[in-house]
Amino acid sequence: MLGQSALVGTSSTPSSSRVFVYEVTGLRQNEENDKNSYPFRRSGSVFIKVPYSRMNEEMQRITRMGGTIVNISPATVD
């Protein structure tokens, strides 16, 4: 983007407020998800809300936990 400084924070960009929902299948209990602050649930699909800025990190975490992302969609504002 022309004319923008590298020092400008991302909080003013539209992408900073975007949130996506990952639909994940195949998660299994392991030492990675034992660290979660929420209980692990057994079901066919798990829905995880992810801010735009953390999408790549969350994909890597899901892969380490043995999951498969079957759908990514923008979260709707209720």
C-alpha atoms as a PDB file:
ATOM      1  CA  MET A   1       0.000   0.000   0.000  1.00  0.00           C
ATOM      2  CA  LEU A   2       1.585   3.156  -1.182  1.00  0.00           C
ATOM      3  CA  GLY A   3       2.180   5.984   1.214  1.00  0.00           C
ATOM      4  CA  GLN A   4       1.751   3.953   4.407  1.00  0.00           C
ATOM      5  CA  SER A   5       4.516   3.749   6.944  1.00  0.00           C
ATOM      6  CA  ALA A   6       5.649   0.451   8.429  1.00  0.00           C
ATOM      7  CA  LEU A   7       5.200   2.062  11.842  1.00  0.00           C
ATOM      8  CA  VAL A   8       1.434   2.394  11.437  1.00  0.00           C
ATOM      9  CA  GLY A   9      -0.365  -0.047  13.733  1.00  0.00           C
ATOM     10  CA  THR A  10      -2.740  -2.661  12.374  1.00  0.00           C
ATOM     11  CA  SER A  11      -5.487  -1.701  14.822  1.00  0.00           C
ATOM     12  CA  SER A  12      -6.797   0.907  12.407  1.00  0.00           C
ATOM     13  CA  THR A  13      -7.162  -1.523   9.504  1.00  0.00           C
ATOM     14  CA  PRO A  14     -10.420  -3.282   8.682  1.00  0.00           C
ATOM     15  CA  SER A  15      -8.701  -6.682   8.967  1.00  0.00           C
ATOM     16  CA  SER A  16      -7.927  -6.143  12.667  1.00  0.00           C
ATOM     17  CA  SER A  17     -11.591  -6.572  13.603  1.00  0.00           C
ATOM     18  CA  ARG A  18     -12.310  -9.511  11.304  1.00  0.00           C
ATOM     19  CA  VAL A  19     -13.048 -12.855  12.943  1.00  0.00           C
ATOM     20  CA  PHE A  20     -13.399 -16.208  11.214  1.00  0.00           C
ATOM     21  CA  VAL A  21     -14.948 -19.489  12.311  1.00  0.00           C
ATOM     22  CA  TYR A  22     -13.058 -22.711  11.603  1.00  0.00           C
ATOM     23  CA  GLU A  23     -15.055 -25.941  11.439  1.00  0.00           C
ATOM     24  CA  VAL A  24     -12.650 -28.666  12.512  1.00  0.00           C
ATOM     25  CA  THR A  25     -13.015 -32.451  12.545  1.00  0.00           C
ATOM     26  CA  GLY A  26     -10.757 -35.213  13.793  1.00  0.00           C
ATOM     27  CA  LEU A  27      -9.371 -33.551  16.908  1.00  0.00           C
ATOM     28  CA  ARG A  28      -7.966 -35.960  19.447  1.00  0.00           C
ATOM     29  CA  GLN A  29      -6.861 -35.535  23.033  1.00  0.00           C
ATOM     30  CA  ASN A  30      -3.107 -34.998  23.372  1.00  0.00           C
ATOM     31  CA  GLU A  31      -0.601 -32.900  25.310  1.00  0.00           C
ATOM     32  CA  GLU A  32      -1.195 -29.899  23.008  1.00  0.00           C
ATOM     33  CA  ASN A  33      -4.882 -29.534  23.832  1.00  0.00           C
ATOM     34  CA  ASP A  34      -4.353 -30.397  27.487  1.00  0.00           C
ATOM     35  CA  LYS A  35      -2.967 -26.821  27.751  1.00  0.00           C
ATOM     36  CA  ASN A  36      -6.276 -25.262  26.671  1.00  0.00           C
ATOM     37  CA  SER A  37      -8.200 -23.203  29.174  1.00  0.00           C
ATOM     38  CA  TYR A  38     -11.477 -24.728  27.999  1.00  0.00           C
ATOM     39  CA  PRO A  39     -12.650 -28.354  28.204  1.00  0.00           C
ATOM     40  CA  PHE A  40     -11.990 -30.598  25.224  1.00  0.00           C
ATOM     41  CA  ARG A  41     -15.177 -31.900  23.719  1.00  0.00           C
ATOM     42  CA  ARG A  42     -15.707 -35.043  21.689  1.00  0.00           C
ATOM     43  CA  SER A  43     -17.904 -34.585  18.651  1.00  0.00           C
ATOM     44  CA  GLY A  44     -17.827 -34.745  14.884  1.00  0.00           C
ATOM     45  CA  SER A  45     -17.162 -31.047  14.426  1.00  0.00           C
ATOM     46  CA  VAL A  46     -15.728 -28.310  16.613  1.00  0.00           C
ATOM     47  CA  PHE A  47     -16.170 -24.612  15.800  1.00  0.00           C
ATOM     48  CA  ILE A  48     -13.315 -22.287  16.722  1.00  0.00           C
ATOM     49  CA  LYS A  49     -13.453 -18.477  16.435  1.00  0.00           C
ATOM     50  CA  VAL A  50     -10.164 -17.032  15.207  1.00  0.00           C
ATOM     51  CA  PRO A  51      -9.147 -13.378  14.703  1.00  0.00           C
ATOM     52  CA  TYR A  52      -7.704 -12.601  11.283  1.00  0.00           C
ATOM     53  CA  SER A  53      -4.272 -11.864  12.763  1.00  0.00           C
ATOM     54  CA  ARG A  54      -3.986 -15.393  14.223  1.00  0.00           C
ATOM     55  CA  MET A  55      -5.342 -17.475  11.341  1.00  0.00           C
ATOM     56  CA  ASN A  56      -2.013 -19.042  10.330  1.00  0.00           C
ATOM     57  CA  GLU A  57      -0.993 -19.863  13.912  1.00  0.00           C
ATOM     58  CA  GLU A  58      -4.364 -21.480  14.593  1.00  0.00           C
ATOM     59  CA  MET A  59      -4.139 -23.612  11.422  1.00  0.00           C
ATOM     60  CA  GLN A  60      -0.760 -24.902  12.584  1.00  0.00           C
ATOM     61  CA  ARG A  61      -2.111 -25.641  16.082  1.00  0.00           C
ATOM     62  CA  ILE A  62      -5.088 -27.554  14.678  1.00  0.00           C
ATOM     63  CA  THR A  63      -2.772 -29.621  12.485  1.00  0.00           C
ATOM     64  CA  ARG A  64      -0.547 -30.461  15.484  1.00  0.00           C
ATOM     65  CA  MET A  65      -3.661 -31.633  17.345  1.00  0.00           C
ATOM     66  CA  GLY A  66      -4.536 -34.003  14.489  1.00  0.00           C
ATOM     67  CA  GLY A  67      -7.517 -32.003  13.236  1.00  0.00           C
ATOM     68  CA  THR A  68      -8.690 -31.200   9.731  1.00  0.00           C
ATOM     69  CA  ILE A  69     -10.215 -27.843   8.834  1.00  0.00           C
ATOM     70  CA  VAL A  70     -13.282 -28.559   6.706  1.00  0.00           C
ATOM     71  CA  ASN A  71     -14.661 -25.027   6.470  1.00  0.00           C
ATOM     72  CA  ILE A  72     -13.596 -21.430   7.143  1.00  0.00           C
ATOM     73  CA  SER A  73     -16.247 -18.736   7.172  1.00  0.00           C
ATOM     74  CA  PRO A  74     -16.438 -15.148   8.423  1.00  0.00           C
ATOM     75  CA  ALA A  75     -18.095 -14.798  11.823  1.00  0.00           C
ATOM     76  CA  THR A  76     -21.374 -12.968  11.712  1.00  0.00           C
ATOM     77  CA  VAL A  77     -22.020 -10.079  14.069  1.00  0.00           C
ATOM     78  CA  ASP A  78     -25.013 -10.817  16.272  1.00  0.00           C
END
